[in-house]
Amino acid sequence: MIHPDTELRFISNEIGYGVVATKLIPAGTITWVLDQLDREFTPFELQQMSPIYQNILDTYTFRNNKGNYVLCWDNGRYVNHSFNSNCLTTAYDFEIAIRDIQPGEQLTDDYGYLNIPLPFRAADEGTRRKIVYPDDLLKYYKVWDNKIKKVFGNITKQQQPLKVLLDDELWNRIGRIANGKEEMESILNNFYQGTTLESMAHN
């Protein structure tokens, strides 16, 4: 489920639609949580579908560390890519804002940690990276971990509209990590091991 202080807006002809903040979303705010309405499809299920459904899932899903395709039921599926994203996923099935997101600003993810099956050239943002590769998570997980760690302690300090979707055990664990009593798990845990093999097969 996407943060409630967001809405779907048309961004541009090149990008299409995106998810935009309607209020300030402070750093450390949980911006998305995997919930019970999100659908998960195995590769076999995808292969059995007609092309019209395959194309939809190819466009709007990400892959988890089991290689299954996850389709967000709400506007979460419209979050666009950025090489300098303001949101990062965690190893705990939720994403957080890694810096303050201003009203009118898009919420963005780095698709490099979504286990994409094939490389794609993203819009040029003036960054060193120009192409998103299937194995980006192996290359950049330490950078992303550091960005998450800098704001992880804010999670228990900010208002969290999506906290209701987290079970008590996870919330207590977040508290232990925020207080330095437990080590934060790496974003690398989200990596699907088959990603690299698929990429090699297509090269």
C-alpha atoms as a PDB file:
ATOM      1  CA  MET A   1       0.000   0.000   0.000  1.00  0.00           C
ATOM      2  CA  ILE A   2       1.301   3.421  -0.958  1.00  0.00           C
ATOM      3  CA  HIS A   3       1.472   6.312   1.522  1.00  0.00           C
ATOM      4  CA  PRO A   4      -1.927   8.082   1.765  1.00  0.00           C
ATOM      5  CA  ASP A   5      -0.462  11.569   1.214  1.00  0.00           C
ATOM      6  CA  THR A   6       0.132  10.816  -2.471  1.00  0.00           C
ATOM      7  CA  GLU A   7      -1.836  10.910  -5.704  1.00  0.00           C
ATOM      8  CA  LEU A   8      -1.455   9.779  -9.298  1.00  0.00           C
ATOM      9  CA  ARG A   9      -0.560  12.586 -11.724  1.00  0.00           C
ATOM     10  CA  PHE A  10       0.399  12.828 -15.374  1.00  0.00           C
ATOM     11  CA  ILE A  11       4.100  13.685 -15.480  1.00  0.00           C
ATOM     12  CA  SER A  12       5.006  13.909 -19.182  1.00  0.00           C
ATOM     13  CA  ASN A  13       4.525  12.178 -22.508  1.00  0.00           C
ATOM     14  CA  GLU A  14       7.884  10.438 -22.076  1.00  0.00           C
ATOM     15  CA  ILE A  15       7.303   9.268 -18.490  1.00  0.00           C
ATOM     16  CA  GLY A  16       3.508   8.954 -18.370  1.00  0.00           C
ATOM     17  CA  TYR A  17       1.974   8.885 -14.905  1.00  0.00           C
ATOM     18  CA  GLY A  18       3.732   9.017 -11.560  1.00  0.00           C
ATOM     19  CA  VAL A  19       3.026   9.073  -7.828  1.00  0.00           C
ATOM     20  CA  VAL A  20       3.301  12.578  -6.352  1.00  0.00           C
ATOM     21  CA  ALA A  21       3.349  13.718  -2.710  1.00  0.00           C
ATOM     22  CA  THR A  22       0.396  15.888  -1.689  1.00  0.00           C
ATOM     23  CA  LYS A  23       1.997  16.819   1.641  1.00  0.00           C
ATOM     24  CA  LEU A  24       5.527  16.836   3.039  1.00  0.00           C
ATOM     25  CA  ILE A  25       6.750  13.272   3.577  1.00  0.00           C
ATOM     26  CA  PRO A  26       9.720  13.496   5.972  1.00  0.00           C
ATOM     27  CA  ALA A  27      12.845  11.342   5.702  1.00  0.00           C
ATOM     28  CA  GLY A  28      12.332   8.048   7.524  1.00  0.00           C
ATOM     29  CA  THR A  29       8.645   7.834   6.638  1.00  0.00           C
ATOM     30  CA  ILE A  30       7.448   4.439   5.419  1.00  0.00           C
ATOM     31  CA  THR A  31       6.179   5.179   1.908  1.00  0.00           C
ATOM     32  CA  TRP A  32       5.012   1.713   0.828  1.00  0.00           C
ATOM     33  CA  VAL A  33       4.278  -1.625   2.462  1.00  0.00           C
ATOM     34  CA  LEU A  34       3.647  -4.989   0.815  1.00  0.00           C
ATOM     35  CA  ASP A  35       0.098  -5.818   1.869  1.00  0.00           C
ATOM     36  CA  GLN A  36      -2.468  -8.595   1.602  1.00  0.00           C
ATOM     37  CA  LEU A  37      -4.076  -7.203  -1.561  1.00  0.00           C
ATOM     38  CA  ASP A  38      -0.847  -7.196  -3.570  1.00  0.00           C
ATOM     39  CA  ARG A  39      -0.704 -10.181  -5.932  1.00  0.00           C
ATOM     40  CA  GLU A  40       2.260 -12.488  -6.426  1.00  0.00           C
ATOM     41  CA  PHE A  41       2.679 -14.553  -9.594  1.00  0.00           C
ATOM     42  CA  THR A  42       5.215 -17.298 -10.199  1.00  0.00           C
ATOM     43  CA  PRO A  43       7.122 -17.377 -13.509  1.00  0.00           C
ATOM     44  CA  PHE A  44       5.092 -20.462 -14.451  1.00  0.00           C
ATOM     45  CA  GLU A  45       1.807 -18.635 -13.843  1.00  0.00           C
ATOM     46  CA  LEU A  46       3.040 -15.765 -15.984  1.00  0.00           C
ATOM     47  CA  GLN A  47       3.979 -18.114 -18.821  1.00  0.00           C
ATOM     48  CA  GLN A  48       0.481 -19.638 -18.809  1.00  0.00           C
ATOM     49  CA  MET A  49      -1.192 -16.266 -19.324  1.00  0.00           C
ATOM     50  CA  SER A  50      -2.179 -14.719 -22.628  1.00  0.00           C
ATOM     51  CA  PRO A  51       0.122 -11.969 -23.995  1.00  0.00           C
ATOM     52  CA  ILE A  52      -2.186  -9.149 -22.885  1.00  0.00           C
ATOM     53  CA  TYR A  53      -1.736 -10.144 -19.228  1.00  0.00           C
ATOM     54  CA  GLN A  54       1.968 -10.868 -19.681  1.00  0.00           C
ATOM     55  CA  ASN A  55       2.489  -7.338 -21.006  1.00  0.00           C
ATOM     56  CA  ILE A  56       0.646  -5.814 -18.052  1.00  0.00           C
ATOM     57  CA  LEU A  57       2.705  -7.780 -15.541  1.00  0.00           C
ATOM     58  CA  ASP A  58       5.911  -6.990 -17.438  1.00  0.00           C
ATOM     59  CA  THR A  59       5.113  -3.278 -17.137  1.00  0.00           C
ATOM     60  CA  TYR A  60       3.753  -3.005 -13.611  1.00  0.00           C
ATOM     61  CA  THR A  61       5.439  -5.679 -11.495  1.00  0.00           C
ATOM     62  CA  PHE A  62       8.717  -6.044  -9.667  1.00  0.00           C
ATOM     63  CA  ARG A  63      10.356  -9.340  -8.754  1.00  0.00           C
ATOM     64  CA  ASN A  64      11.050 -10.465  -5.233  1.00  0.00           C
ATOM     65  CA  ASN A  65      13.981 -12.591  -4.071  1.00  0.00           C
ATOM     66  CA  LYS A  66      12.088 -15.763  -5.042  1.00  0.00           C
ATOM     67  CA  GLY A  67      11.803 -14.588  -8.635  1.00  0.00           C
ATOM     68  CA  ASN A  68       8.040 -14.110  -8.355  1.00  0.00           C
ATOM     69  CA  TYR A  69       6.303 -11.131  -9.922  1.00  0.00           C
ATOM     70  CA  VAL A  70       4.588  -8.790  -7.459  1.00  0.00           C
ATOM     71  CA  LEU A  71       1.733  -6.594  -8.698  1.00  0.00           C
ATOM     72  CA  CYS A  72       0.759  -3.708  -6.437  1.00  0.00           C
ATOM     73  CA  TRP A  73      -3.024  -3.302  -6.314  1.00  0.00           C
ATOM     74  CA  ASP A  74      -2.932   0.486  -5.801  1.00  0.00           C
ATOM     75  CA  ASN A  75      -0.927   3.429  -7.199  1.00  0.00           C
ATOM     76  CA  GLY A  76       2.277   1.882  -5.891  1.00  0.00           C
ATOM     77  CA  ARG A  77       2.701   0.288  -9.314  1.00  0.00           C
ATOM     78  CA  TYR A  78       3.111   3.744 -10.885  1.00  0.00           C
ATOM     79  CA  VAL A  79       6.205   4.775  -8.888  1.00  0.00           C
ATOM     80  CA  ASN A  80       8.814   5.748 -11.470  1.00  0.00           C
ATOM     81  CA  HIS A  81      12.538   5.098 -11.664  1.00  0.00           C
ATOM     82  CA  SER A  82      15.265   7.561 -10.720  1.00  0.00           C
ATOM     83  CA  PHE A  83      19.022   7.054 -10.367  1.00  0.00           C
ATOM     84  CA  ASN A  84      18.769   9.493  -7.461  1.00  0.00           C
ATOM     85  CA  SER A  85      15.575   8.084  -5.967  1.00  0.00           C
ATOM     86  CA  ASN A  86      14.016   9.586  -2.845  1.00  0.00           C
ATOM     87  CA  CYS A  87      12.673   6.201  -1.692  1.00  0.00           C
ATOM     88  CA  LEU A  88      14.532   2.955  -1.098  1.00  0.00           C
ATOM     89  CA  THR A  89      13.223  -0.487  -0.386  1.00  0.00           C
ATOM     90  CA  THR A  90      14.381  -2.419   2.667  1.00  0.00           C
ATOM     91  CA  ALA A  91      14.806  -6.096   3.499  1.00  0.00           C
ATOM     92  CA  TYR A  92      11.501  -5.942   5.411  1.00  0.00           C
ATOM     93  CA  ASP A  93       8.894  -5.609   2.614  1.00  0.00           C
ATOM     94  CA  PHE A  94       8.511  -1.861   3.015  1.00  0.00           C
ATOM     95  CA  GLU A  95      10.089   1.235   1.501  1.00  0.00           C
ATOM     96  CA  ILE A  96      11.138   4.429   3.226  1.00  0.00           C
ATOM     97  CA  ALA A  97      11.812   8.015   2.210  1.00  0.00           C
ATOM     98  CA  ILE A  98      15.571   8.517   2.404  1.00  0.00           C
ATOM     99  CA  ARG A  99      15.182  12.299   2.316  1.00  0.00           C
ATOM    100  CA  ASP A 100      12.335  14.768   2.732  1.00  0.00           C
ATOM    101  CA  ILE A 101       9.864  14.550  -0.154  1.00  0.00           C
ATOM    102  CA  GLN A 102       8.246  17.910  -0.850  1.00  0.00           C
ATOM    103  CA  PRO A 103       4.583  18.442  -1.835  1.00  0.00           C
ATOM    104  CA  GLY A 104       4.333  18.106  -5.623  1.00  0.00           C
ATOM    105  CA  GLU A 105       7.474  15.965  -5.843  1.00  0.00           C
ATOM    106  CA  GLN A 106       7.383  12.480  -7.330  1.00  0.00           C
ATOM    107  CA  LEU A 107       8.110   9.459  -5.181  1.00  0.00           C
ATOM    108  CA  THR A 108      10.785   7.497  -7.018  1.00  0.00           C
ATOM    109  CA  ASP A 109      12.539   4.137  -6.742  1.00  0.00           C
ATOM    110  CA  ASP A 110      15.785   2.939  -8.247  1.00  0.00           C
ATOM    111  CA  TYR A 111      14.697   0.051 -10.462  1.00  0.00           C
ATOM    112  CA  GLY A 112      18.187  -1.390 -10.030  1.00  0.00           C
ATOM    113  CA  TYR A 113      16.992  -3.248  -6.911  1.00  0.00           C
ATOM    114  CA  LEU A 114      13.790  -4.621  -8.467  1.00  0.00           C
ATOM    115  CA  ASN A 115      15.361  -7.664 -10.187  1.00  0.00           C
ATOM    116  CA  ILE A 116      14.520  -6.530 -13.698  1.00  0.00           C
ATOM    117  CA  PRO A 117      15.083  -9.330 -16.247  1.00  0.00           C
ATOM    118  CA  LEU A 118      16.701  -7.121 -18.933  1.00  0.00           C
ATOM    119  CA  PRO A 119      18.735  -3.887 -18.949  1.00  0.00           C
ATOM    120  CA  PHE A 120      16.995  -0.679 -19.955  1.00  0.00           C
ATOM    121  CA  ARG A 121      18.142   2.858 -20.700  1.00  0.00           C
ATOM    122  CA  ALA A 122      16.452   5.304 -18.368  1.00  0.00           C
ATOM    123  CA  ALA A 123      15.854   9.029 -18.821  1.00  0.00           C
ATOM    124  CA  ASP A 124      19.124  10.949 -18.549  1.00  0.00           C
ATOM    125  CA  GLU A 125      19.318  12.676 -15.165  1.00  0.00           C
ATOM    126  CA  GLY A 126      22.924  13.784 -15.497  1.00  0.00           C
ATOM    127  CA  THR A 127      24.096  10.879 -13.354  1.00  0.00           C
ATOM    128  CA  ARG A 128      27.018   8.560 -14.053  1.00  0.00           C
ATOM    129  CA  ARG A 129      24.629   5.651 -14.391  1.00  0.00           C
ATOM    130  CA  LYS A 130      22.607   5.735 -17.595  1.00  0.00           C
ATOM    131  CA  ILE A 131      21.378   2.137 -17.837  1.00  0.00           C
ATOM    132  CA  VAL A 132      19.612  -0.018 -15.255  1.00  0.00           C
ATOM    133  CA  TYR A 133      21.097  -3.517 -15.189  1.00  0.00           C
ATOM    134  CA  PRO A 134      19.614  -6.711 -13.715  1.00  0.00           C
ATOM    135  CA  ASP A 135      22.548  -7.129 -11.322  1.00  0.00           C
ATOM    136  CA  ASP A 136      22.711  -3.516 -10.071  1.00  0.00           C
ATOM    137  CA  LEU A 137      21.758  -4.739  -6.613  1.00  0.00           C
ATOM    138  CA  LEU A 138      25.033  -6.671  -6.418  1.00  0.00           C
ATOM    139  CA  LYS A 139      26.986  -3.552  -7.375  1.00  0.00           C
ATOM    140  CA  TYR A 140      25.275  -0.873  -5.310  1.00  0.00           C
ATOM    141  CA  TYR A 141      23.789  -2.555  -2.246  1.00  0.00           C
ATOM    142  CA  LYS A 142      26.392  -1.041   0.086  1.00  0.00           C
ATOM    143  CA  VAL A 143      25.600   2.466  -1.177  1.00  0.00           C
ATOM    144  CA  TRP A 144      21.873   1.861  -0.747  1.00  0.00           C
ATOM    145  CA  ASP A 145      22.335   0.262   2.686  1.00  0.00           C
ATOM    146  CA  ASN A 146      24.207   3.354   3.868  1.00  0.00           C
ATOM    147  CA  LYS A 147      21.442   5.655   2.648  1.00  0.00           C
ATOM    148  CA  ILE A 148      18.827   3.544   4.446  1.00  0.00           C
ATOM    149  CA  LYS A 149      20.861   3.385   7.663  1.00  0.00           C
ATOM    150  CA  LYS A 150      21.123   7.185   7.805  1.00  0.00           C
ATOM    151  CA  VAL A 151      17.333   7.545   8.144  1.00  0.00           C
ATOM    152  CA  PHE A 152      16.285   4.188   9.607  1.00  0.00           C
ATOM    153  CA  GLY A 153      16.385   5.613  13.114  1.00  0.00           C
ATOM    154  CA  ASN A 154      13.754   8.167  12.095  1.00  0.00           C
ATOM    155  CA  ILE A 155      11.148   5.485  11.459  1.00  0.00           C
ATOM    156  CA  THR A 156      10.024   5.343  15.087  1.00  0.00           C
ATOM    157  CA  LYS A 157      10.100   9.153  15.375  1.00  0.00           C
ATOM    158  CA  GLN A 158       7.891  10.026  12.391  1.00  0.00           C
ATOM    159  CA  GLN A 159       4.155   9.694  12.000  1.00  0.00           C
ATOM    160  CA  GLN A 160       3.618   6.429  10.154  1.00  0.00           C
ATOM    161  CA  PRO A 161       0.180   6.102   8.526  1.00  0.00           C
ATOM    162  CA  LEU A 162       1.200   2.681   7.188  1.00  0.00           C
ATOM    163  CA  LYS A 163       2.287   1.330  10.586  1.00  0.00           C
ATOM    164  CA  VAL A 164      -1.061  -0.466  10.863  1.00  0.00           C
ATOM    165  CA  LEU A 165       0.149  -2.814   8.085  1.00  0.00           C
ATOM    166  CA  LEU A 166       3.207  -3.913  10.065  1.00  0.00           C
ATOM    167  CA  ASP A 167       2.882  -6.655  12.660  1.00  0.00           C
ATOM    168  CA  ASP A 168       4.026  -5.980  16.221  1.00  0.00           C
ATOM    169  CA  GLU A 169       7.063  -8.238  15.889  1.00  0.00           C
ATOM    170  CA  LEU A 170       8.378  -6.267  12.908  1.00  0.00           C
ATOM    171  CA  TRP A 171       7.684  -2.920  14.588  1.00  0.00           C
ATOM    172  CA  ASN A 172       9.586  -4.049  17.678  1.00  0.00           C
ATOM    173  CA  ARG A 173      12.445  -5.175  15.473  1.00  0.00           C
ATOM    174  CA  ILE A 174      12.518  -1.766  13.768  1.00  0.00           C
ATOM    175  CA  GLY A 175      12.811  -0.224  17.223  1.00  0.00           C
ATOM    176  CA  ARG A 176      15.757  -2.454  18.139  1.00  0.00           C
ATOM    177  CA  ILE A 177      17.542  -1.563  14.913  1.00  0.00           C
ATOM    178  CA  ALA A 178      16.810   2.140  15.377  1.00  0.00           C
ATOM    179  CA  ASN A 179      18.272   1.953  18.893  1.00  0.00           C
ATOM    180  CA  GLY A 180      21.401   0.135  17.757  1.00  0.00           C
ATOM    181  CA  LYS A 181      20.480  -3.117  19.511  1.00  0.00           C
ATOM    182  CA  GLU A 182      20.169  -5.132  16.302  1.00  0.00           C
ATOM    183  CA  GLU A 183      21.898  -4.955  12.941  1.00  0.00           C
ATOM    184  CA  MET A 184      19.807  -3.846   9.969  1.00  0.00           C
ATOM    185  CA  GLU A 185      19.486  -6.504   7.281  1.00  0.00           C
ATOM    186  CA  SER A 186      20.954  -5.568   3.911  1.00  0.00           C
ATOM    187  CA  ILE A 187      18.896  -4.598   0.889  1.00  0.00           C
ATOM    188  CA  LEU A 188      20.958  -7.334  -0.808  1.00  0.00           C
ATOM    189  CA  ASN A 189      18.514  -9.833   0.733  1.00  0.00           C
ATOM    190  CA  ASN A 190      16.056  -8.761  -1.975  1.00  0.00           C
ATOM    191  CA  PHE A 191      18.284 -10.041  -4.770  1.00  0.00           C
ATOM    192  CA  TYR A 192      16.877 -12.843  -6.895  1.00  0.00           C
ATOM    193  CA  GLN A 193      19.726 -15.260  -7.647  1.00  0.00           C
ATOM    194  CA  GLY A 194      18.366 -16.098 -11.085  1.00  0.00           C
ATOM    195  CA  THR A 195      18.658 -12.492 -12.269  1.00  0.00           C
ATOM    196  CA  THR A 196      22.326 -12.721 -13.258  1.00  0.00           C
ATOM    197  CA  LEU A 197      21.833 -15.995 -15.125  1.00  0.00           C
ATOM    198  CA  GLU A 198      18.919 -14.551 -17.094  1.00  0.00           C
ATOM    199  CA  SER A 199      20.943 -11.489 -17.980  1.00  0.00           C
ATOM    200  CA  MET A 200      23.820 -13.653 -19.237  1.00  0.00           C
ATOM    201  CA  ALA A 201      21.405 -15.722 -21.303  1.00  0.00           C
ATOM    202  CA  HIS A 202      20.116 -12.597 -23.086  1.00  0.00           C
ATOM    203  CA  ASN A 203      23.596 -11.196 -23.836  1.00  0.00           C
END
